[in-house]
Protein backbone atom coordinates (compact mmCIF):
# COMPACT_ATOMS: atom_id res chain seq x y z
CA MET A 1 0.00 0.00 0.00
CA THR A 2 1.34 3.41 -0.98
CA ILE A 3 0.33 6.25 1.33
CA ARG A 4 -0.40 9.49 -0.54
CA VAL A 5 0.99 12.50 1.30
CA ALA A 6 0.44 16.24 1.44
CA VAL A 7 2.89 18.55 3.20
CA ILE A 8 1.49 21.83 4.53
CA GLY A 9 4.21 24.32 5.31
CA ALA A 10 7.26 24.34 3.02
CA GLY A 11 9.86 25.86 5.31
CA GLN A 12 13.08 24.09 6.19
CA VAL A 13 11.37 21.29 8.13
CA GLY A 14 8.46 20.91 5.72
CA ALA A 15 10.79 20.71 2.73
CA ARG A 16 12.76 18.01 4.52
CA ARG A 17 9.61 16.03 5.29
CA ALA A 18 8.47 16.42 1.68
CA ALA A 19 11.77 15.06 0.36
CA ILE A 20 11.57 12.03 2.66
CA ALA A 21 7.95 11.36 1.68
CA ALA A 22 8.96 11.53 -1.99
CA GLU A 23 11.93 9.22 -1.52
CA SER A 24 10.24 6.57 0.62
CA ALA A 25 9.04 3.41 -1.12
CA ARG A 26 5.99 3.44 1.16
CA SER A 27 4.68 6.91 0.33
CA GLU A 28 3.96 9.20 -2.58
CA LEU A 29 4.26 12.97 -2.29
CA VAL A 30 1.11 14.35 -3.93
CA VAL A 31 1.16 18.05 -3.08
CA VAL A 32 3.14 20.68 -1.15
CA ALA A 33 1.25 23.69 0.21
CA ASP A 34 2.47 27.01 1.59
CA VAL A 35 1.06 30.53 1.79
CA ASP A 36 4.24 31.57 -0.01
CA GLU A 37 3.49 30.32 -3.51
CA GLY A 38 7.09 30.60 -4.65
CA ARG A 39 8.30 28.43 -1.80
CA ALA A 40 5.59 25.84 -2.36
CA LYS A 41 6.29 25.74 -6.09
CA ALA A 42 10.07 25.45 -5.68
CA THR A 43 9.77 22.54 -3.25
CA ALA A 44 7.11 20.76 -5.30
CA GLU A 45 8.93 21.12 -8.62
CA ALA A 46 12.16 19.83 -7.08
CA LEU A 47 10.34 16.70 -5.91
CA GLY A 48 7.95 16.17 -8.82
CA SER A 49 4.69 16.92 -7.00
CA GLN A 50 1.87 19.44 -7.30
CA TYR A 51 1.77 22.62 -5.22
CA ALA A 52 -0.94 24.77 -3.65
CA THR A 53 -1.43 27.82 -1.43
CA ASP A 54 -4.76 26.89 0.20
CA TRP A 55 -4.33 24.26 2.91
CA GLN A 56 -8.08 23.69 3.23
CA GLU A 57 -8.30 22.67 -0.42
CA VAL A 58 -5.40 20.29 0.12
CA ILE A 59 -7.10 18.64 3.10
CA ALA A 60 -10.29 18.17 1.08
CA ARG A 61 -8.52 16.28 -1.71
CA ALA A 62 -9.59 12.67 -2.16
CA ASP A 63 -6.10 11.67 -3.35
CA VAL A 64 -4.46 12.52 -0.01
CA ASP A 65 -4.25 9.90 2.75
CA ALA A 66 -1.89 11.62 5.18
CA VAL A 67 -0.90 15.20 5.95
CA VAL A 68 2.32 16.59 7.40
CA VAL A 69 1.70 19.88 9.22
CA SER A 70 4.90 21.94 9.49
CA THR A 71 3.71 25.51 9.93
CA SER A 72 4.39 28.05 12.66
CA ASN A 73 2.99 26.93 16.01
CA LYS A 74 -0.21 29.00 15.83
CA PHE A 75 -1.57 26.99 12.91
CA LEU A 76 -0.51 23.48 13.92
CA THR A 77 -3.71 22.70 15.82
CA PRO A 78 -6.38 24.09 13.48
CA ILE A 79 -4.82 22.45 10.42
CA SER A 80 -4.17 19.13 12.18
CA VAL A 81 -7.68 19.00 13.65
CA GLN A 82 -9.35 19.74 10.31
CA ALA A 83 -7.17 17.16 8.55
CA LEU A 84 -8.09 14.49 11.09
CA GLN A 85 -11.77 15.40 10.81
CA ALA A 86 -11.43 15.03 7.04
CA GLY A 87 -10.23 11.46 7.54
CA LYS A 88 -6.49 12.04 7.03
CA HIS A 89 -3.64 10.68 9.10
CA VAL A 90 -1.49 13.48 10.52
CA LEU A 91 2.16 14.01 11.39
CA CYS A 92 2.25 17.30 13.30
CA GLU A 93 5.65 18.81 13.93
CA LYS A 94 6.56 19.56 17.52
CA PRO A 95 5.26 21.18 19.62
CA PRO A 96 1.67 19.90 19.46
CA GLY A 97 0.23 23.42 19.47
CA ARG A 98 0.95 26.29 21.84
CA THR A 99 -0.97 25.08 24.90
CA VAL A 100 -2.35 21.98 26.59
CA VAL A 101 -5.80 22.92 25.29
CA GLU A 102 -4.57 22.99 21.70
CA ALA A 103 -2.72 19.68 22.10
CA ALA A 104 -5.85 18.11 23.60
CA GLU A 105 -7.96 19.31 20.67
CA MET A 106 -5.65 17.35 18.36
CA ALA A 107 -5.72 14.23 20.52
CA VAL A 108 -9.52 14.28 20.73
CA ALA A 109 -9.84 14.74 16.97
CA ALA A 110 -7.54 11.75 16.42
CA GLN A 111 -9.56 9.61 18.82
CA ASP A 112 -12.86 10.62 17.23
CA SER A 113 -11.63 10.03 13.68
CA GLN A 114 -9.71 6.84 14.53
CA LYS A 115 -6.83 8.17 12.44
CA THR A 116 -3.14 8.23 13.30
CA LEU A 117 -1.78 11.38 14.94
CA LYS A 118 1.99 11.47 15.37
CA ILE A 119 3.98 14.33 16.92
CA GLY A 120 7.34 14.96 15.28
CA PHE A 121 9.79 14.50 18.16
CA THR A 122 12.66 13.42 15.91
CA LEU A 123 15.31 13.34 18.65
CA ARG A 124 13.93 9.97 19.78
CA PHE A 125 15.16 8.55 16.48
CA HIS A 126 18.76 9.70 16.69
CA PRO A 127 20.85 6.52 16.94
CA GLY A 128 22.81 7.57 20.02
CA ILE A 129 19.69 8.58 21.92
CA ARG A 130 17.87 5.43 20.86
CA GLN A 131 20.72 3.10 21.81
CA ALA A 132 21.18 4.91 25.12
CA HIS A 133 17.49 4.32 25.85
CA GLN A 134 17.92 0.61 25.11
CA VAL A 135 20.86 0.44 27.52
CA CYS A 136 18.75 2.05 30.23
CA GLN A 137 15.74 -0.18 29.55
CA HIS A 138 17.86 -3.34 29.64
CA GLY A 139 19.16 -2.42 33.09
CA ASP A 140 22.79 -2.31 31.97
CA ILE A 141 23.50 0.70 34.19
CA GLY A 142 21.22 -0.42 37.02
CA PRO A 143 18.26 1.50 38.45
CA LEU A 144 18.27 5.06 37.09
CA TYR A 145 19.03 7.99 39.40
CA PHE A 146 19.07 11.19 37.36
CA LEU A 147 19.19 12.78 33.91
CA ARG A 148 20.79 16.04 32.83
CA ALA A 149 20.94 17.78 29.49
CA VAL A 150 22.04 20.89 27.62
CA TYR A 151 20.51 21.85 24.28
CA GLY A 152 21.00 25.18 22.61
CA HIS A 153 22.18 27.36 19.77
CA GLY A 154 23.10 30.98 19.19
CA GLY A 155 20.45 32.05 16.72
CA ARG A 156 21.31 34.12 13.66
CA PRO A 157 21.05 37.81 12.73
CA GLY A 158 17.40 38.84 12.93
CA TYR A 159 16.33 35.68 14.75
CA ASP A 160 14.13 37.69 17.10
CA ARG A 161 12.22 39.09 14.12
CA GLU A 162 11.35 35.65 12.74
CA TRP A 163 8.10 33.95 13.70
CA ARG A 164 9.74 32.21 16.69
CA GLY A 165 10.16 35.61 18.30
CA ASN A 166 6.47 36.43 17.90
CA ALA A 167 4.42 35.40 20.96
CA GLU A 168 1.18 35.05 18.98
CA LEU A 169 2.73 32.78 16.35
CA ALA A 170 5.09 30.81 18.59
CA GLY A 171 3.27 30.63 21.93
CA GLY A 172 6.58 30.22 23.77
CA GLY A 173 10.28 30.86 23.40
CA GLU A 174 13.25 28.52 23.61
CA LEU A 175 11.46 26.13 25.97
CA LEU A 176 8.79 25.48 23.34
CA ASP A 177 11.38 25.49 20.55
CA GLN A 178 14.13 23.10 21.68
CA GLY A 179 13.30 22.49 25.33
CA VAL A 180 10.15 20.62 24.41
CA HIS A 181 12.38 17.93 22.86
CA ILE A 182 14.15 17.45 26.19
CA LEU A 183 10.85 17.30 28.08
CA ASP A 184 9.77 14.51 25.76
CA LEU A 185 13.04 12.65 26.39
CA CYS A 186 12.64 13.11 30.17
CA ARG A 187 9.27 11.35 29.97
CA TRP A 188 10.64 8.66 27.66
CA TYR A 189 13.54 7.80 29.96
CA LEU A 190 12.09 8.44 33.43
CA GLY A 191 8.31 8.36 33.02
CA GLU A 192 5.84 10.98 34.21
CA MET A 193 7.32 13.90 36.13
CA HIS A 194 5.37 15.31 39.06
CA GLU A 195 7.34 18.27 40.45
CA VAL A 196 8.76 21.25 38.57
CA VAL A 197 11.05 24.14 39.52
CA SER A 198 12.25 26.50 36.80
CA VAL A 199 13.65 29.84 35.71
CA THR A 200 12.90 31.16 32.20
CA PRO A 201 14.84 34.40 31.67
CA ARG A 202 15.09 36.63 28.63
CA TRP A 203 18.60 38.03 28.32
CA PHE A 204 19.72 38.76 24.77
CA TRP A 205 17.02 38.40 22.16
CA ASP A 206 14.25 41.00 21.81
CA VAL A 207 11.39 38.49 22.10
CA ALA A 208 9.38 39.82 25.06
CA PRO A 209 7.33 38.31 26.64
CA LEU A 210 9.04 35.08 25.49
CA GLU A 211 12.17 33.56 27.02
CA ASP A 212 15.52 32.89 25.37
CA ASN A 213 16.72 30.47 28.09
CA ALA A 214 15.09 27.92 30.37
CA PHE A 215 16.58 26.19 33.42
CA VAL A 216 14.39 23.30 34.56
CA LEU A 217 14.46 20.84 37.46
CA LEU A 218 11.99 17.93 37.46
CA ARG A 219 11.29 15.05 39.84
CA ASN A 220 9.01 12.03 39.51
CA SER A 221 7.15 10.02 42.14
CA GLN A 222 10.07 7.56 42.42
CA GLY A 223 12.44 10.37 43.35
CA GLN A 224 14.34 10.32 40.04
CA VAL A 225 15.48 13.77 38.94
CA ALA A 226 15.96 15.46 35.57
CA ASN A 227 17.56 18.84 35.08
CA PHE A 228 18.31 20.66 31.85
CA HIS A 229 19.23 23.99 30.33
CA THR A 230 17.96 24.98 26.91
CA SER A 231 19.26 28.18 25.37
CA TRP A 232 19.24 30.64 22.48
CA THR A 233 22.46 32.11 23.91
CA GLN A 234 24.51 28.92 23.62
CA TRP A 235 26.76 30.68 21.13
CA LYS A 236 28.32 27.44 19.93
CA ASN A 237 25.60 24.90 19.18
CA ARG A 238 25.55 22.11 21.73
CA PHE A 239 23.64 18.95 22.58
CA SER A 240 24.54 16.92 25.66
CA PHE A 241 22.32 14.26 27.23
CA GLU A 242 23.37 12.10 30.20
CA VAL A 243 21.61 9.49 32.33
CA PHE A 244 23.20 8.07 35.49
CA GLY A 245 22.28 4.87 37.30
CA ARG A 246 23.56 2.77 40.16
CA ASP A 247 26.04 0.85 37.98
CA GLY A 248 27.05 3.40 35.35
CA TYR A 249 25.89 5.99 32.88
CA VAL A 250 25.11 6.78 29.26
CA LYS A 251 26.11 10.01 27.58
CA VAL A 252 25.14 11.32 24.13
CA GLU A 253 27.06 14.28 22.72
CA GLY A 254 26.30 15.99 19.42
CA LEU A 255 23.57 15.51 16.85
CA GLY A 256 25.65 15.80 13.71
CA GLY A 257 26.06 18.93 11.61
CA SER A 258 26.65 22.13 13.56
CA TYR A 259 26.13 20.23 16.84
CA GLY A 260 29.16 18.04 16.22
CA VAL A 261 29.52 14.33 15.52
CA GLU A 262 27.02 12.26 17.49
CA THR A 263 28.68 9.94 20.01
CA LEU A 264 27.36 7.53 22.61
CA THR A 265 29.46 6.71 25.66
CA VAL A 266 28.45 3.95 28.05
CA GLY A 267 30.28 4.04 31.37
CA HIS A 268 30.41 1.12 33.82
CA ARG A 269 31.17 1.81 37.47
CA LEU A 270 33.80 -0.55 38.83
CA PRO A 271 33.33 -2.28 42.21
CA GLU A 272 36.47 -0.59 43.50
CA SER A 273 35.26 2.76 42.10
CA GLY A 274 37.90 4.92 40.48
CA PRO A 275 37.85 5.65 36.73
CA PRO A 276 34.97 3.76 35.11
CA ARG A 277 35.24 1.42 32.17
CA GLU A 278 33.91 3.19 29.07
CA GLU A 279 32.72 2.07 25.65
CA GLN A 280 32.08 4.60 22.89
CA VAL A 281 30.20 4.46 19.61
CA VAL A 282 30.62 7.21 17.00
CA PHE A 283 27.79 7.89 14.55
CA ASP A 284 29.56 9.79 11.79
CA GLY A 285 27.43 8.64 8.88
CA ALA A 286 24.40 10.33 7.37
CA ASP A 287 21.65 11.35 9.80
CA SER A 288 18.87 8.76 9.41
CA SER A 289 16.65 10.03 12.24
CA TRP A 290 14.19 11.78 9.93
CA GLN A 291 13.81 8.70 7.74
CA ASP A 292 13.35 6.47 10.80
CA ASP A 293 10.77 8.88 12.19
CA TRP A 294 8.93 8.69 8.86
CA GLU A 295 8.99 4.89 8.82
CA ASP A 296 7.42 4.91 12.28
CA PHE A 297 4.59 7.07 10.88
CA MET A 298 4.11 4.73 7.94
CA ASP A 299 4.09 1.66 10.22
CA ALA A 300 1.54 3.24 12.55
CA ILE A 301 -0.79 3.98 9.63
CA GLU A 302 -0.45 0.51 8.13
CA THR A 303 -0.74 -1.48 11.37
CA GLY A 304 -3.02 0.73 13.43
CA ARG A 305 -0.59 0.76 16.37
CA PRO A 306 0.10 4.04 18.23
CA PRO A 307 2.99 5.98 16.73
CA GLU A 308 5.96 7.23 18.63
CA VAL A 309 5.01 9.94 19.88
CA SER A 310 1.19 9.88 19.91
CA GLY A 311 -1.16 12.82 20.34
CA VAL A 312 -1.93 11.67 23.88
CA GLU A 313 1.78 11.77 24.74
CA GLY A 314 1.95 15.21 23.17
CA VAL A 315 -0.67 16.40 25.67
CA GLU A 316 1.47 15.15 28.56
CA VAL A 317 4.52 16.99 27.21
CA MET A 318 2.50 20.20 26.96
CA LYS A 319 1.36 19.78 30.56
CA LEU A 320 5.02 19.87 31.53
CA VAL A 321 5.60 22.94 29.34
CA GLU A 322 2.82 24.82 31.09
CA ALA A 323 4.07 23.68 34.51
CA VAL A 324 7.56 25.01 33.70
CA TYR A 325 6.17 28.39 32.71
CA ARG A 326 3.95 28.52 35.79
CA ALA A 327 6.79 27.58 38.15
CA SER A 328 8.98 30.30 36.66
CA ARG A 329 6.25 32.94 36.68
CA ASP A 330 5.19 32.27 40.27
CA SER A 331 8.72 31.47 41.57
CA GLU A 332 7.48 28.32 43.25
CA ARG A 333 7.50 24.56 42.97
CA VAL A 334 4.62 23.25 40.85
CA VAL A 335 3.17 19.83 41.62
CA LEU A 336 1.33 18.09 38.80
């Protein structure tokens, strides 16, 4: 079965999704839509598909089975909901809307339509992160104690004048941009988090009332802790993700490209303590995370199983987002 795909939003991410849909043996790229006709046309012509400027007309097409929604955050929910109501499967880029309410609207529409709704948390499909998760799940480093992460970049000239610096279009700053990825990974590795303390300052970029940094401390009901810093003032792009357990640790550094070569280090604590025994894997080939993410979407459609990450999981991530903002605003610990 070939799944016929429409991509709505032909920016950098949408163009990437369109290319993968066109290249996959399991899907056919039918149409690319964007309010910028030139951008839609350029992407479509490069990939041999049709193009459009009206997303509602695209959703109504009978020759479209699945829709990728890769617009600015403000439009993710209305487009995804209408696509689901029209009987289309949906891959919605992260975050799943700007608020818990918007994320829940998507999840309800997916449940009512019995169609697949996948949220595009591509970091789960990076090989280092995925293998580190397997190590943790297999118990190779013992019961888990804590997680810590850094994820950030330095922007570019005029970054604060792009849509991510507009509160109406974005709904949040760096927390909702990159930090939401880390919140998803915290849930994936440690389960539901129940306590939140945070600080979300705005230091450099003119994005008021949004934040350009977020410092977050989370704890779950088992006492496991996660802390991370996500930043638009990390002048040299950086990704660092570590999980420590009783018997060792896993550490992922880099994501390829400007973030540096992706590496996975597994450390084993020795009985006599001292320097641990380490094993390292370097992933210096082509980044396959986007293709693997796409295959998960295709599998979910074909088999009817929940995708990774589902709309319901997207709601839980957005609950954490809102808790982080509330904890920072009220300068207090928030209990979920």
